[in-house]
Protein backbone atom coordinates (compact mmCIF):
# COMPACT_ATOMS: atom_id res chain seq x y z
CA MET A 1 -88.82 126.63 51.14
CA ALA A 2 -88.76 124.48 48.05
CA LYS A 3 -85.02 124.97 47.77
CA GLU A 4 -84.47 123.80 51.34
CA ILE A 5 -86.58 120.68 50.74
CA LYS A 6 -84.58 119.97 47.58
CA LYS A 7 -81.30 120.36 49.45
CA THR A 8 -82.51 118.04 52.20
CA VAL A 9 -83.57 115.44 49.62
CA ASN A 10 -80.20 115.73 47.85
CA ARG A 11 -78.32 115.34 51.13
CA THR A 12 -80.45 112.33 52.03
CA GLY A 13 -79.95 110.85 48.56
CA LYS A 14 -76.18 111.30 48.77
CA LYS A 15 -76.11 109.66 52.20
CA LEU A 16 -78.14 106.73 50.92
CA VAL A 17 -75.85 106.34 47.87
CA ALA A 18 -72.74 106.56 50.07
CA LYS A 19 -74.21 103.99 52.45
CA ALA A 20 -75.06 101.70 49.54
CA LEU A 21 -71.51 101.98 48.20
CA VAL A 22 -70.07 101.12 51.61
CA VAL A 23 -72.35 98.07 51.90
CA LYS A 24 -71.41 97.00 48.36
CA ALA A 25 -67.70 97.42 49.09
CA LYS A 26 -68.04 95.37 52.26
CA ASN A 27 -69.91 92.65 50.39
CA GLN A 28 -67.25 92.62 47.65
CA SER A 29 -64.54 92.50 50.29
CA ASN A 30 -66.19 89.50 51.97
CA ILE A 31 -66.63 87.74 48.65
CA THR A 32 -63.02 88.42 47.65
CA ALA A 33 -61.66 87.13 50.95
CA GLU A 34 -63.81 84.04 50.68
CA ASN A 35 -62.69 83.47 47.08
CA ILE A 36 -59.05 83.88 48.05
CA LYS A 37 -59.50 81.34 50.83
CA ARG A 38 -61.16 78.86 48.49
CA GLN A 39 -58.49 79.47 45.81
CA ASN A 40 -55.71 78.82 48.30
CA GLU A 41 -57.38 75.59 49.40
CA LYS A 42 -57.75 74.55 45.76
CA ILE A 43 -54.07 75.26 45.01
CA ALA A 44 -52.97 73.36 48.11
CA LEU A 45 -55.09 70.37 47.03
CA GLU A 46 -53.65 70.41 43.51
CA LYS A 47 -50.10 70.58 44.87
CA SER A 48 -50.82 67.64 47.15
CA LYS A 49 -52.17 65.59 44.23
CA ALA A 50 -49.18 66.50 42.04
CA GLN A 51 -46.75 65.53 44.80
CA ASN A 52 -48.47 62.18 45.30
CA GLN A 53 -48.45 61.53 41.57
CA LYS A 54 -44.75 62.38 41.35
CA THR A 55 -43.97 60.07 44.24
CA ASN A 56 -45.84 57.24 42.55
CA GLU A 57 -44.01 57.83 39.25
CA GLU A 58 -40.48 58.09 40.68
CA PRO A 59 -39.79 54.32 40.87
CA MET A 60 -40.71 53.94 37.18
CA GLU A 61 -38.36 56.79 36.18
CA VAL A 62 -35.48 55.31 38.16
CA LYS A 63 -36.05 51.97 36.52
CA LYS A 64 -36.11 53.56 33.07
CA ASP A 65 -32.90 55.53 33.54
CA SER A 66 -31.11 52.93 35.65
CA VAL A 67 -27.38 52.47 35.05
CA LYS A 68 -25.73 49.13 35.46
CA GLU A 69 -23.47 48.93 38.46
CA ASP A 70 -19.76 48.88 37.62
CA LYS A 71 -18.03 45.53 37.55
CA LYS A 72 -14.33 44.81 37.48
CA TYR A 73 -12.65 43.60 34.33
CA GLU A 74 -9.80 41.15 34.90
CA LEU A 75 -6.80 41.69 32.63
CA THR A 76 -5.60 38.65 30.69
CA ILE A 77 -2.00 39.89 30.48
CA GLY A 78 0.66 40.81 33.04
CA LEU A 79 4.02 42.51 33.45
CA LYS A 80 5.91 39.68 31.72
CA ASP A 81 3.74 40.01 28.62
CA LEU A 82 4.34 43.76 28.45
CA LEU A 83 8.06 43.25 28.91
CA ALA A 84 8.23 40.56 26.22
CA ALA A 85 6.37 42.83 23.79
CA GLY A 86 8.83 45.67 24.39
CA SER A 87 6.17 47.96 25.83
CA HIS A 88 8.75 49.36 28.26
CA LEU A 89 10.93 50.94 25.57
CA GLY A 90 10.36 54.65 25.06
CA HIS A 91 12.09 57.26 22.91
CA LYS A 92 15.47 58.89 23.37
CA VAL A 93 15.88 60.89 26.55
CA SER A 94 16.30 64.07 24.49
CA LYS A 95 12.78 63.57 23.06
CA THR A 96 11.09 62.90 26.40
CA HIS A 97 8.10 65.12 27.13
CA PRO A 98 8.40 66.79 30.58
CA LYS A 99 4.93 65.56 31.60
CA ALA A 100 5.82 61.96 30.71
CA LYS A 101 8.63 61.73 33.25
CA ASP A 102 6.34 60.46 36.01
CA ASN A 103 5.82 57.25 34.02
CA ILE A 104 9.53 56.63 33.41
CA TYR A 105 11.39 54.17 35.60
CA VAL A 106 14.93 54.81 34.40
CA ALA A 107 16.99 55.98 31.43
CA LYS A 108 19.29 53.35 29.96
CA ASP A 109 21.73 53.88 27.11
CA GLY A 110 20.04 57.15 26.28
CA ILE A 111 16.57 55.53 26.09
CA SER A 112 13.70 56.23 28.48
CA ILE A 113 12.32 53.05 30.09
CA PHE A 114 8.68 52.95 31.22
CA ASP A 115 7.68 51.77 34.67
CA LEU A 116 5.57 48.79 33.57
CA THR A 117 3.75 48.60 36.90
CA LEU A 118 2.24 52.01 36.05
CA THR A 119 1.55 50.86 32.49
CA LEU A 120 -0.33 47.82 33.76
CA LYS A 121 -2.40 49.92 36.18
CA ALA A 122 -3.25 52.41 33.44
CA LEU A 123 -4.24 49.62 31.07
CA GLU A 124 -6.44 48.03 33.73
CA LYS A 125 -8.13 51.38 34.43
CA ALA A 126 -8.75 51.96 30.72
CA CYS A 127 -10.12 48.45 30.18
CA ASN A 128 -12.44 48.78 33.16
CA PHE A 129 -13.75 52.07 31.83
CA ILE A 130 -14.40 50.59 28.38
CA TYR A 131 -15.91 47.41 29.82
CA ASN A 132 -18.44 49.25 32.00
CA ALA A 133 -19.17 51.92 29.39
CA ARG A 134 -20.01 49.20 26.85
CA ARG A 135 -22.21 47.42 29.38
CA ASN A 136 -24.20 50.65 29.61
CA GLY A 137 -24.59 50.95 25.85
CA LYS A 138 -21.79 53.39 25.01
CA SER A 139 -20.23 53.18 21.55
CA ILE A 140 -16.49 53.09 20.83
CA VAL A 141 -14.26 53.64 17.81
CA LEU A 142 -10.67 52.40 17.45
CA LEU A 143 -8.21 54.72 15.72
CA GLY A 144 -4.80 53.72 14.39
CA THR A 145 -3.54 55.21 11.12
CA LYS A 146 0.12 54.39 11.72
CA ARG A 147 1.44 51.59 9.53
CA GLN A 148 2.20 49.45 12.60
CA ALA A 149 -1.35 49.77 13.93
CA ARG A 150 -3.65 49.49 10.91
CA GLU A 151 -3.94 45.71 10.66
CA VAL A 152 -4.56 45.03 14.35
CA ILE A 153 -7.00 47.93 14.73
CA LYS A 154 -9.15 46.71 11.83
CA ARG A 155 -9.02 43.07 12.94
CA VAL A 156 -9.88 43.76 16.58
CA ALA A 157 -12.60 46.28 15.71
CA ASN A 158 -14.32 43.87 13.32
CA ASP A 159 -14.05 41.05 15.84
CA ALA A 160 -15.52 43.21 18.63
CA GLY A 161 -18.19 44.75 16.41
CA VAL A 162 -17.13 48.39 16.81
CA GLY A 163 -16.14 51.17 14.44
CA TYR A 164 -12.59 51.96 13.36
CA VAL A 165 -10.42 54.37 11.37
CA THR A 166 -7.19 53.12 9.80
CA ASP A 167 -6.63 55.01 6.54
CA ARG A 168 -6.48 58.58 7.84
CA TRP A 169 -8.40 60.74 10.27
CA LEU A 170 -10.62 62.99 8.21
CA GLY A 171 -10.79 66.45 9.74
CA GLY A 172 -14.35 67.02 10.97
CA THR A 173 -15.08 63.36 11.69
CA ILE A 174 -16.35 64.45 15.11
CA SER A 175 -16.74 68.23 14.86
CA ASN A 176 -18.66 67.95 11.56
CA TRP A 177 -20.40 64.65 12.21
CA GLU A 178 -23.50 65.55 10.16
CA GLN A 179 -21.43 65.58 6.97
CA ILE A 180 -19.75 62.30 7.92
CA ARG A 181 -23.17 60.73 8.48
CA LYS A 182 -24.23 61.83 4.99
CA ASN A 183 -21.14 60.13 3.55
CA ILE A 184 -21.93 56.97 5.55
CA LYS A 185 -25.48 56.93 4.17
CA LYS A 186 -24.20 57.50 0.64
CA LEU A 187 -21.72 54.63 0.98
CA ASN A 188 -24.35 52.26 2.36
CA ASP A 189 -26.79 53.21 -0.42
CA ILE A 190 -24.18 52.54 -3.12
CA LYS A 191 -23.17 49.20 -1.59
CA GLU A 192 -26.78 48.07 -1.25
CA GLY A 193 -27.62 49.25 -4.76
CA LEU A 194 -24.70 47.41 -6.37
CA GLU A 195 -25.32 44.22 -4.39
CA LYS A 196 -29.05 44.11 -5.22
CA ASN A 197 -28.71 45.33 -8.83
CA LYS A 198 -30.76 48.47 -8.25
CA PHE A 199 -28.83 50.45 -10.85
CA THR A 200 -29.92 48.51 -13.97
CA ASP A 201 -31.03 51.74 -15.65
CA LEU A 202 -27.51 53.20 -15.49
CA THR A 203 -24.82 52.93 -18.15
CA LYS A 204 -21.62 50.92 -17.63
CA LYS A 205 -19.69 54.17 -17.20
CA GLU A 206 -22.08 55.43 -14.53
CA ILE A 207 -21.88 52.12 -12.66
CA GLY A 208 -18.08 52.31 -12.94
CA ASP A 209 -18.15 55.79 -11.44
CA LEU A 210 -20.28 54.48 -8.55
CA GLY A 211 -17.70 51.78 -7.94
CA LYS A 212 -14.93 54.38 -7.76
CA GLU A 213 -17.02 56.49 -5.38
CA GLN A 214 -17.56 53.44 -3.20
CA ILE A 215 -13.80 52.85 -2.96
CA ARG A 216 -13.24 56.50 -2.05
CA LEU A 217 -15.89 56.47 0.65
CA GLU A 218 -14.65 53.15 2.04
CA LYS A 219 -11.29 54.77 2.74
CA ILE A 220 -12.91 57.75 4.44
CA VAL A 221 -15.82 56.28 6.41
CA GLY A 222 -15.80 52.54 5.70
CA GLY A 223 -14.95 51.61 9.28
CA LEU A 224 -17.75 53.85 10.59
CA SER A 225 -20.47 52.56 8.24
CA LYS A 226 -22.42 50.82 11.03
CA LEU A 227 -22.72 53.97 13.17
CA ASP A 228 -25.96 55.95 13.15
CA LYS A 229 -24.82 58.56 15.66
CA ILE A 230 -21.61 60.07 17.01
CA PHE A 231 -19.60 57.68 19.17
CA ASP A 232 -18.91 58.12 22.91
CA ILE A 233 -15.33 56.81 23.25
CA LEU A 234 -12.26 56.96 21.02
CA PHE A 235 -9.32 54.60 21.53
CA ILE A 236 -6.11 55.87 19.92
CA VAL A 237 -2.77 54.35 19.04
CA ASP A 238 -0.19 57.15 19.51
CA SER A 239 -1.75 60.27 21.00
CA GLY A 240 1.04 62.42 19.60
CA PHE A 241 0.31 61.27 16.06
CA GLU A 242 -3.48 61.75 16.23
CA LYS A 243 -3.61 65.31 17.60
CA THR A 244 -6.52 66.40 15.39
CA ALA A 245 -8.70 63.52 16.59
CA ILE A 246 -7.98 64.35 20.23
CA LYS A 247 -8.75 68.03 19.70
CA GLU A 248 -12.10 67.23 18.05
CA SER A 249 -12.97 64.75 20.81
CA LYS A 250 -12.62 67.45 23.44
CA MET A 251 -14.92 69.73 21.45
CA ARG A 252 -17.76 67.16 21.57
CA SER A 253 -16.99 65.59 24.99
CA VAL A 254 -15.94 62.26 23.48
CA LYS A 255 -13.81 60.33 25.99
CA THR A 256 -10.29 59.50 24.78
CA ILE A 257 -8.06 56.55 25.64
CA ALA A 258 -4.61 56.37 24.08
CA ILE A 259 -1.30 54.57 24.04
CA THR A 260 1.06 57.40 24.93
CA ASP A 261 4.81 57.18 24.38
CA THR A 262 7.49 59.19 26.19
CA ASP A 263 7.44 61.93 23.53
CA SER A 264 3.77 62.81 24.18
CA ASP A 265 1.85 64.65 26.89
CA PRO A 266 -0.34 62.12 28.76
CA ARG A 267 -2.61 64.93 30.00
CA LYS A 268 -4.03 65.45 26.52
CA VAL A 269 -6.26 62.36 26.84
CA ASP A 270 -8.69 61.12 29.49
CA PHE A 271 -6.99 57.73 29.92
CA ALA A 272 -3.31 57.55 28.98
CA ILE A 273 -1.63 54.14 28.71
CA PRO A 274 2.12 54.86 28.96
CA ALA A 275 3.79 52.40 26.61
CA ASN A 276 5.75 51.94 23.40
CA ASP A 277 3.46 53.00 20.54
CA ASP A 278 5.91 52.16 17.73
CA SER A 279 6.52 48.45 18.30
CA VAL A 280 4.07 46.16 16.45
CA LYS A 281 4.18 43.65 19.33
CA SER A 282 3.45 46.30 21.95
CA ILE A 283 0.59 47.80 19.93
CA ASN A 284 -0.91 44.36 19.20
CA LEU A 285 -0.79 43.29 22.86
CA ILE A 286 -2.53 46.41 24.16
CA VAL A 287 -5.10 46.74 21.35
CA GLU A 288 -6.05 43.08 21.67
CA GLU A 289 -6.59 43.52 25.42
CA ILE A 290 -8.83 46.51 24.69
CA GLY A 291 -10.74 44.30 22.26
CA LYS A 292 -11.21 41.62 24.92
CA ALA A 293 -12.62 44.21 27.32
CA ILE A 294 -15.10 45.32 24.66
CA LYS A 295 -16.20 41.76 23.92
CA ALA A 296 -16.45 40.88 27.62
CA ALA A 297 -19.18 43.51 27.98
CA GLY A 298 -21.35 41.35 25.76
CA VAL A 299 -22.87 44.25 23.79
CA LYS A 300 -23.12 44.20 20.01
């Protein structure tokens, strides 16, 4: 009899425990569902606030990153000026690059003659690009290491307040810019030290060595001494002559503009100006127009 009572109590206890577990599970289920609902409402509210905040901030971001609208640069030279400077005269027909033929008007006495209407259009396009890029704060460097180009490149660059290279293009000027920047800093430190007599504790020999180092660095990076970061645009006299510079520019996405003669591939640069790149008059005319476009932007 006692065993039967015990069994009955056990069964009743198990039923009560089972019932309690069911009730607890139901309560937990209700609480979980309610929590999920509240959590979803909370997330929706936070998203709404974030969206409203983003909408309010958008005008400020646009203003901060705004780019000046392009304007047209008016060339100061025309076809007659290009003709008088001999910009139409290319190389011998036998030296003509296949991809340069589209810019050739005719061959006369074995010499390829440029179509100056195309030259003028290309020059206008290049000047407009430089003009608007400068208006938006882009930096430019002029490159001309050929004997015919050195003087005008340096003069125009200094007048326009931009960097230049005239002695020789040092391999790594773009691809290894960090090292070039170290040389620029070293040059500027030496110049400042010598000008302000900061090296009074050095011997005459040591000061003489600093002077020699200054001359060496001036040849390498003197024209780039005002740059604190890699430039955005490179203007080149003779794209065929400055192949290394063009190759490095592509590696770092630096835009290239170049005077390209009939013996060079105009596709190698972003903006090719088909013209005589050997005549001093032709080089001077085009480089000076590039300089005017830079100055017209009004950015120092």
